């Protein structure tokens, strides 16, 4: 895919929405001056440096940057897995308060994640039945008849083209990487969070499975109005799927806007370099910078 084709040819059909459609909706997650510092004294590392962001309901946002840019650290702060050193994160228009275990569990009902490595995303001692049942219980279905729970698990597996009958009593590590990623999406189908944070969800699977996973996520977004945050180093993928794109370098957002604004008319030198590094099959590859 070339980076400067007309939108109708290069963007995912039906995926990105117009900026007016997206930005007129309520905010679901926002931040002001969000900062993360690791270490103490003279051995401090500034991983995320006073970033501002605003994500709307149903918006598909990509946060793009190289390894070490701070995007995964930011993702962990958004999930509540890392504390915020400075700044404030708001959830559904109110300052986020996850200081207690109960508040954090309530917050996680509204925000979930799909991680890069499916093999380290599951408890190896829990069978697939337990993984899916936990999702049903988390959404208030603990007292449902087991037959109804089974129906819900079958429906979730069917959504991601898996058969629950072939998964029951198995462990996640008995599945392929692509199947495990689809199982993670089945969890999201059951939980129906307001926000899904996808950290490089397709980087460890083959091209055919990658397209299938992306289609499933877009379908889920359309069905339940979920906001999706993609954390990726792939600027081509970001352009293909996103409503909005944030470019991150050394812990800061150096540029953000609609996908067309950022990719087709980049202003920051770093954004231009990322676009220039995308290989094009009709041009000689310059490997001198590798």
Foldseek 3Di string as FASTA:
>chain_A
DALADDCVPQADVPFADAPVVFVVAFWFKWWFQFWDWDDDDPPIATLAGGETDTGGFLFEEEEADDPSLNLVVVVCVVLVNDPTPDIFMDGRRHTQDCPDPVSSLVVVLAEEEAEQFLVPPDDQVDALLVLQVVLCVSVPNPPPPVVVSVVLLQVLQVLLPHGVVVRPPHGLVVDDRLSSLSSVSSSCVSSVHQEYEYENSPPPDDPVSSVSSVVSVSVSCVVRRHYYYYYYNQLSVRLRRGQKYFYTGNNYGPDIDGSCCCRVPNDDPVSVVSSVQDDDPVDDHDPVVD
